[in-house]
Amino acid sequence: QVQLVESGGGLVQPGGSLRLSCAASGSTLRSYAIGWFRQAPGKEREGVSCISSSGGTTAYADSVKGRFTASRDNAKRTVYLQMNSLEPEDTAVYYCAAAPSGTTTIQAMSRYVFSWGQGTQVTVSS
């Protein structure tokens, strides 16, 4: 079973950037697709992105497309979410999650995820 730990959250001004990291332990990262989710206070959890086990396929929610980029370094057992042009609406706790290697869409990720990180807070405010 893979364990996931997020880092890199913080406070940033609108228009700024952050890079989140998701470090894996307990199992080889290359066996899993990784998704990023977020949950704002009072709102349902939202799928943000999905990256395939090889990193060759990515998917993004419309709300972040063109601003967020997922990548992974399987040798370092780490997945990244580069977030640019951040908006106050991006404020949320961000979670990474693991799903079977064949998962390539956010919808499938939501259905098949089996392991979650503890989350990292991202606050976009002036």
N, C-alpha and C. Protein backbone atom coordinates (compact mmCIF):
# COMPACT_ATOMS: atom_id res chain seq x y z
N GLN A 1 0.85 -1.19 0.00
CA GLN A 1 0.00 0.00 0.00
C GLN A 1 0.88 1.24 0.00
N VAL A 2 0.53 2.22 -0.78
CA VAL A 2 1.32 3.44 -0.87
C VAL A 2 0.81 4.47 0.11
N GLN A 3 1.74 5.16 0.77
CA GLN A 3 1.40 6.28 1.63
C GLN A 3 1.84 7.57 0.95
N LEU A 4 1.01 8.59 1.07
CA LEU A 4 1.25 9.85 0.38
C LEU A 4 1.31 11.01 1.36
N VAL A 5 2.24 11.93 1.14
CA VAL A 5 2.38 13.11 1.98
C VAL A 5 2.54 14.33 1.08
N GLU A 6 1.62 15.29 1.25
CA GLU A 6 1.69 16.53 0.47
C GLU A 6 2.51 17.58 1.20
N SER A 7 3.08 18.49 0.44
CA SER A 7 3.79 19.65 0.99
C SER A 7 3.77 20.75 -0.05
N GLY A 8 4.14 21.95 0.39
CA GLY A 8 4.27 23.06 -0.54
C GLY A 8 3.14 24.08 -0.48
N GLY A 9 2.14 23.83 0.33
CA GLY A 9 1.06 24.79 0.45
C GLY A 9 1.52 26.04 1.18
N GLY A 10 0.65 27.05 1.18
CA GLY A 10 0.98 28.29 1.88
C GLY A 10 0.07 29.42 1.47
N LEU A 11 0.48 30.61 1.84
CA LEU A 11 -0.27 31.83 1.51
C LEU A 11 0.41 32.52 0.34
N VAL A 12 -0.38 32.86 -0.67
CA VAL A 12 0.16 33.52 -1.85
C VAL A 12 -0.82 34.58 -2.31
N GLN A 13 -0.31 35.62 -2.91
CA GLN A 13 -1.17 36.68 -3.42
C GLN A 13 -1.81 36.27 -4.75
N PRO A 14 -2.95 36.84 -5.07
CA PRO A 14 -3.56 36.56 -6.39
C PRO A 14 -2.57 36.83 -7.52
N GLY A 15 -2.55 35.92 -8.48
CA GLY A 15 -1.61 36.01 -9.58
C GLY A 15 -0.30 35.30 -9.32
N GLY A 16 -0.09 34.87 -8.08
CA GLY A 16 1.15 34.20 -7.73
C GLY A 16 1.15 32.72 -8.07
N SER A 17 2.23 32.05 -7.68
CA SER A 17 2.42 30.64 -8.00
C SER A 17 2.84 29.85 -6.77
N LEU A 18 2.50 28.58 -6.79
CA LEU A 18 2.95 27.61 -5.79
C LEU A 18 3.18 26.29 -6.49
N ARG A 19 4.08 25.50 -5.94
CA ARG A 19 4.26 24.14 -6.42
C ARG A 19 4.03 23.18 -5.27
N LEU A 20 3.04 22.34 -5.41
CA LEU A 20 2.76 21.31 -4.42
C LEU A 20 3.53 20.04 -4.78
N SER A 21 3.94 19.33 -3.75
CA SER A 21 4.61 18.04 -3.93
C SER A 21 3.82 16.96 -3.22
N CYS A 22 3.86 15.78 -3.78
CA CYS A 22 3.21 14.61 -3.19
C CYS A 22 4.26 13.50 -3.16
N ALA A 23 4.77 13.20 -1.98
CA ALA A 23 5.82 12.20 -1.84
C ALA A 23 5.22 10.86 -1.44
N ALA A 24 5.66 9.81 -2.10
CA ALA A 24 5.12 8.48 -1.86
C ALA A 24 6.12 7.60 -1.12
N SER A 25 5.60 6.73 -0.28
CA SER A 25 6.42 5.73 0.41
C SER A 25 5.62 4.45 0.54
N GLY A 26 6.31 3.38 0.83
CA GLY A 26 5.63 2.11 1.07
C GLY A 26 5.45 1.26 -0.17
N SER A 27 5.52 1.88 -1.33
CA SER A 27 5.35 1.13 -2.57
C SER A 27 5.90 1.97 -3.71
N THR A 28 6.23 1.33 -4.81
CA THR A 28 6.78 2.07 -5.93
C THR A 28 5.74 2.99 -6.55
N LEU A 29 6.10 4.24 -6.75
CA LEU A 29 5.14 5.22 -7.25
C LEU A 29 4.72 4.93 -8.68
N ARG A 30 5.60 4.34 -9.47
CA ARG A 30 5.30 4.16 -10.89
C ARG A 30 4.15 3.18 -11.14
N SER A 31 3.68 2.53 -10.08
CA SER A 31 2.56 1.59 -10.23
C SER A 31 1.20 2.28 -10.17
N TYR A 32 1.20 3.58 -9.90
CA TYR A 32 -0.08 4.25 -9.63
C TYR A 32 -0.25 5.53 -10.44
N ALA A 33 -1.49 5.77 -10.83
CA ALA A 33 -1.86 7.10 -11.27
C ALA A 33 -2.09 7.96 -10.03
N ILE A 34 -1.84 9.24 -10.16
CA ILE A 34 -1.97 10.16 -9.03
C ILE A 34 -2.92 11.29 -9.41
N GLY A 35 -3.84 11.56 -8.51
CA GLY A 35 -4.76 12.66 -8.71
C GLY A 35 -4.56 13.74 -7.66
N TRP A 36 -4.92 14.95 -8.03
CA TRP A 36 -4.97 16.06 -7.08
C TRP A 36 -6.42 16.47 -6.92
N PHE A 37 -6.83 16.63 -5.68
CA PHE A 37 -8.18 17.07 -5.34
C PHE A 37 -8.06 18.28 -4.42
N ARG A 38 -9.14 19.02 -4.31
CA ARG A 38 -9.15 20.12 -3.36
C ARG A 38 -10.53 20.25 -2.75
N GLN A 39 -10.56 20.79 -1.55
CA GLN A 39 -11.82 21.03 -0.86
C GLN A 39 -11.77 22.36 -0.14
N ALA A 40 -12.65 23.25 -0.53
CA ALA A 40 -12.78 24.55 0.12
C ALA A 40 -13.83 24.45 1.22
N PRO A 41 -13.77 25.33 2.21
CA PRO A 41 -14.76 25.29 3.29
C PRO A 41 -16.18 25.39 2.75
N GLY A 42 -17.03 24.49 3.21
CA GLY A 42 -18.42 24.51 2.80
C GLY A 42 -18.70 24.00 1.41
N LYS A 43 -17.68 23.49 0.74
CA LYS A 43 -17.85 23.00 -0.63
C LYS A 43 -17.48 21.52 -0.71
N GLU A 44 -17.98 20.87 -1.75
CA GLU A 44 -17.64 19.47 -1.96
C GLU A 44 -16.21 19.36 -2.50
N ARG A 45 -15.62 18.21 -2.27
CA ARG A 45 -14.30 17.94 -2.81
C ARG A 45 -14.35 17.94 -4.33
N GLU A 46 -13.35 18.53 -4.95
CA GLU A 46 -13.31 18.69 -6.40
C GLU A 46 -12.04 18.06 -6.96
N GLY A 47 -12.18 17.27 -8.00
CA GLY A 47 -11.01 16.74 -8.68
C GLY A 47 -10.35 17.84 -9.50
N VAL A 48 -9.05 17.98 -9.37
CA VAL A 48 -8.31 19.05 -10.02
C VAL A 48 -7.50 18.54 -11.21
N SER A 49 -6.80 17.42 -10.98
CA SER A 49 -5.98 16.89 -12.07
C SER A 49 -5.73 15.41 -11.84
N CYS A 50 -5.28 14.77 -12.93
CA CYS A 50 -4.92 13.36 -12.88
C CYS A 50 -3.70 13.19 -13.78
N ILE A 51 -2.72 12.42 -13.30
CA ILE A 51 -1.55 12.13 -14.13
C ILE A 51 -1.36 10.62 -14.13
N SER A 52 -1.16 10.05 -15.30
CA SER A 52 -1.04 8.61 -15.43
C SER A 52 0.25 8.12 -14.78
N SER A 53 0.35 6.81 -14.63
CA SER A 53 1.49 6.22 -13.92
C SER A 53 2.82 6.55 -14.61
N SER A 54 2.82 6.66 -15.92
CA SER A 54 4.04 7.00 -16.65
C SER A 54 4.26 8.49 -16.76
N GLY A 55 3.23 9.26 -16.50
CA GLY A 55 3.29 10.71 -16.68
C GLY A 55 2.94 11.16 -18.08
N GLY A 56 2.64 10.21 -18.96
CA GLY A 56 2.39 10.56 -20.35
C GLY A 56 1.01 11.14 -20.62
N THR A 57 0.09 10.95 -19.69
CA THR A 57 -1.28 11.45 -19.86
C THR A 57 -1.67 12.27 -18.65
N THR A 58 -2.18 13.47 -18.90
CA THR A 58 -2.67 14.32 -17.83
C THR A 58 -4.08 14.81 -18.16
N ALA A 59 -4.81 15.14 -17.14
CA ALA A 59 -6.15 15.69 -17.29
C ALA A 59 -6.36 16.75 -16.23
N TYR A 60 -7.17 17.76 -16.57
CA TYR A 60 -7.37 18.88 -15.66
C TYR A 60 -8.84 19.28 -15.64
N ALA A 61 -9.27 19.77 -14.49
CA ALA A 61 -10.60 20.37 -14.40
C ALA A 61 -10.60 21.66 -15.20
N ASP A 62 -11.75 22.01 -15.75
CA ASP A 62 -11.85 23.23 -16.55
C ASP A 62 -11.44 24.47 -15.75
N SER A 63 -11.68 24.44 -14.45
CA SER A 63 -11.40 25.60 -13.61
C SER A 63 -9.91 25.88 -13.47
N VAL A 64 -9.06 24.90 -13.77
CA VAL A 64 -7.62 25.10 -13.61
C VAL A 64 -6.84 24.90 -14.90
N LYS A 65 -7.53 24.51 -15.96
CA LYS A 65 -6.85 24.22 -17.22
C LYS A 65 -6.12 25.46 -17.71
N GLY A 66 -4.88 25.26 -18.11
CA GLY A 66 -4.06 26.37 -18.57
C GLY A 66 -3.29 27.08 -17.47
N ARG A 67 -3.64 26.80 -16.21
CA ARG A 67 -2.95 27.43 -15.08
C ARG A 67 -2.18 26.42 -14.24
N PHE A 68 -2.69 25.20 -14.15
CA PHE A 68 -2.06 24.16 -13.33
C PHE A 68 -1.42 23.12 -14.25
N THR A 69 -0.29 22.58 -13.79
CA THR A 69 0.40 21.53 -14.53
C THR A 69 0.86 20.44 -13.57
N ALA A 70 0.46 19.22 -13.85
CA ALA A 70 0.90 18.07 -13.06
C ALA A 70 2.10 17.41 -13.73
N SER A 71 3.03 16.96 -12.92
CA SER A 71 4.18 16.23 -13.42
C SER A 71 4.62 15.23 -12.37
N ARG A 72 5.51 14.35 -12.74
CA ARG A 72 5.97 13.35 -11.78
C ARG A 72 7.39 12.93 -12.07
N ASP A 73 8.08 12.56 -11.00
CA ASP A 73 9.43 12.02 -11.08
C ASP A 73 9.38 10.69 -10.34
N ASN A 74 9.16 9.62 -11.07
CA ASN A 74 9.00 8.32 -10.41
C ASN A 74 10.27 7.88 -9.68
N ALA A 75 11.42 8.28 -10.18
CA ALA A 75 12.67 7.93 -9.50
C ALA A 75 12.74 8.57 -8.13
N LYS A 76 12.18 9.77 -7.99
CA LYS A 76 12.16 10.46 -6.70
C LYS A 76 10.87 10.17 -5.93
N ARG A 77 10.01 9.35 -6.52
CA ARG A 77 8.74 9.00 -5.86
C ARG A 77 7.93 10.24 -5.51
N THR A 78 7.91 11.19 -6.39
CA THR A 78 7.23 12.45 -6.11
C THR A 78 6.43 12.91 -7.32
N VAL A 79 5.23 13.40 -7.02
CA VAL A 79 4.37 14.01 -8.03
C VAL A 79 4.21 15.48 -7.67
N TYR A 80 4.14 16.33 -8.68
CA TYR A 80 4.08 17.76 -8.46
C TYR A 80 2.82 18.35 -9.09
N LEU A 81 2.38 19.46 -8.50
CA LEU A 81 1.31 20.25 -9.11
C LEU A 81 1.79 21.70 -9.12
N GLN A 82 2.17 22.17 -10.29
CA GLN A 82 2.57 23.56 -10.44
C GLN A 82 1.32 24.40 -10.66
N MET A 83 1.13 25.38 -9.81
CA MET A 83 -0.07 26.21 -9.86
C MET A 83 0.33 27.65 -10.14
N ASN A 84 -0.07 28.17 -11.27
CA ASN A 84 0.24 29.54 -11.66
C ASN A 84 -1.03 30.37 -11.75
N SER A 85 -0.86 31.67 -11.79
CA SER A 85 -1.99 32.60 -11.91
C SER A 85 -3.09 32.27 -10.90
N LEU A 86 -2.67 32.08 -9.68
CA LEU A 86 -3.62 31.66 -8.64
C LEU A 86 -4.66 32.74 -8.36
N GLU A 87 -5.86 32.26 -8.07
CA GLU A 87 -7.01 33.13 -7.81
C GLU A 87 -7.54 32.82 -6.41
N PRO A 88 -8.23 33.78 -5.81
CA PRO A 88 -8.82 33.51 -4.49
C PRO A 88 -9.70 32.25 -4.49
N GLU A 89 -10.32 31.96 -5.62
CA GLU A 89 -11.19 30.78 -5.72
C GLU A 89 -10.40 29.47 -5.64
N ASP A 90 -9.09 29.54 -5.75
CA ASP A 90 -8.26 28.34 -5.63
C ASP A 90 -7.96 27.99 -4.18
N THR A 91 -8.37 28.85 -3.25
CA THR A 91 -8.13 28.59 -1.83
C THR A 91 -8.85 27.32 -1.41
N ALA A 92 -8.09 26.38 -0.84
CA ALA A 92 -8.65 25.09 -0.44
C ALA A 92 -7.55 24.26 0.21
N VAL A 93 -7.96 23.15 0.79
CA VAL A 93 -7.00 22.12 1.17
C VAL A 93 -6.83 21.20 -0.04
N TYR A 94 -5.58 21.00 -0.41
CA TYR A 94 -5.27 20.19 -1.58
C TYR A 94 -4.76 18.82 -1.13
N TYR A 95 -5.30 17.78 -1.75
CA TYR A 95 -4.94 16.41 -1.44
C TYR A 95 -4.42 15.71 -2.69
N CYS A 96 -3.42 14.86 -2.51
CA CYS A 96 -3.08 13.95 -3.60
C CYS A 96 -3.62 12.56 -3.23
N ALA A 97 -3.84 11.77 -4.25
CA ALA A 97 -4.45 10.47 -4.05
C ALA A 97 -3.96 9.50 -5.11
N ALA A 98 -3.94 8.23 -4.78
CA ALA A 98 -3.45 7.19 -5.68
C ALA A 98 -4.59 6.33 -6.20
N ALA A 99 -4.46 5.93 -7.45
CA ALA A 99 -5.44 5.05 -8.09
C ALA A 99 -4.68 4.05 -8.96
N PRO A 100 -5.33 3.01 -9.42
CA PRO A 100 -4.64 2.03 -10.25
C PRO A 100 -3.99 2.66 -11.47
N SER A 101 -2.98 2.01 -11.99
CA SER A 101 -2.15 2.60 -13.04
C SER A 101 -2.93 2.92 -14.31
N GLY A 102 -4.02 2.28 -14.59
CA GLY A 102 -4.79 2.53 -15.80
C GLY A 102 -5.71 3.74 -15.73
N THR A 103 -5.70 4.43 -14.63
CA THR A 103 -6.59 5.57 -14.44
C THR A 103 -6.03 6.79 -15.17
N THR A 104 -6.84 7.38 -16.05
CA THR A 104 -6.33 8.50 -16.84
C THR A 104 -7.26 9.70 -16.87
N THR A 105 -8.40 9.62 -16.19
CA THR A 105 -9.32 10.75 -16.16
C THR A 105 -9.65 11.12 -14.72
N ILE A 106 -10.07 12.36 -14.52
CA ILE A 106 -10.43 12.80 -13.17
C ILE A 106 -11.65 12.03 -12.68
N GLN A 107 -12.58 11.78 -13.58
CA GLN A 107 -13.78 11.03 -13.18
C GLN A 107 -13.42 9.63 -12.70
N ALA A 108 -12.55 8.96 -13.43
CA ALA A 108 -12.13 7.62 -13.02
C ALA A 108 -11.32 7.69 -11.73
N MET A 109 -10.49 8.71 -11.61
CA MET A 109 -9.70 8.87 -10.39
C MET A 109 -10.62 8.96 -9.19
N SER A 110 -11.70 9.76 -9.29
CA SER A 110 -12.64 9.91 -8.19
C SER A 110 -13.27 8.58 -7.81
N ARG A 111 -13.45 7.73 -8.79
CA ARG A 111 -14.12 6.45 -8.55
C ARG A 111 -13.17 5.41 -7.96
N TYR A 112 -11.90 5.40 -8.40
CA TYR A 112 -11.01 4.29 -8.06
C TYR A 112 -9.91 4.62 -7.06
N VAL A 113 -9.88 5.85 -6.56
CA VAL A 113 -8.84 6.22 -5.62
C VAL A 113 -8.90 5.33 -4.38
N PHE A 114 -7.72 4.93 -3.87
CA PHE A 114 -7.70 4.05 -2.71
C PHE A 114 -6.77 4.52 -1.60
N SER A 115 -6.01 5.59 -1.85
CA SER A 115 -5.10 6.09 -0.82
C SER A 115 -5.03 7.60 -0.94
N TRP A 116 -5.11 8.28 0.21
CA TRP A 116 -5.11 9.74 0.26
C TRP A 116 -3.97 10.25 1.12
N GLY A 117 -3.47 11.44 0.75
CA GLY A 117 -2.56 12.15 1.63
C GLY A 117 -3.37 12.91 2.68
N GLN A 118 -2.66 13.61 3.56
CA GLN A 118 -3.32 14.30 4.66
C GLN A 118 -3.77 15.71 4.27
N GLY A 119 -3.29 16.21 3.13
CA GLY A 119 -3.70 17.52 2.66
C GLY A 119 -2.74 18.63 3.02
N THR A 120 -2.73 19.67 2.20
CA THR A 120 -1.93 20.86 2.45
C THR A 120 -2.77 22.08 2.10
N GLN A 121 -2.73 23.09 2.95
CA GLN A 121 -3.58 24.27 2.78
C GLN A 121 -2.96 25.24 1.78
N VAL A 122 -3.77 25.68 0.85
CA VAL A 122 -3.39 26.74 -0.08
C VAL A 122 -4.36 27.90 0.12
N THR A 123 -3.82 29.06 0.41
CA THR A 123 -4.64 30.25 0.61
C THR A 123 -4.17 31.34 -0.36
N VAL A 124 -5.09 31.82 -1.16
CA VAL A 124 -4.78 32.88 -2.13
C VAL A 124 -5.51 34.14 -1.67
N SER A 125 -4.75 35.10 -1.22
CA SER A 125 -5.35 36.30 -0.66
C SER A 125 -4.35 37.44 -0.70
N SER A 126 -4.88 38.64 -0.86
CA SER A 126 -4.02 39.83 -0.82
C SER A 126 -3.99 40.40 0.60
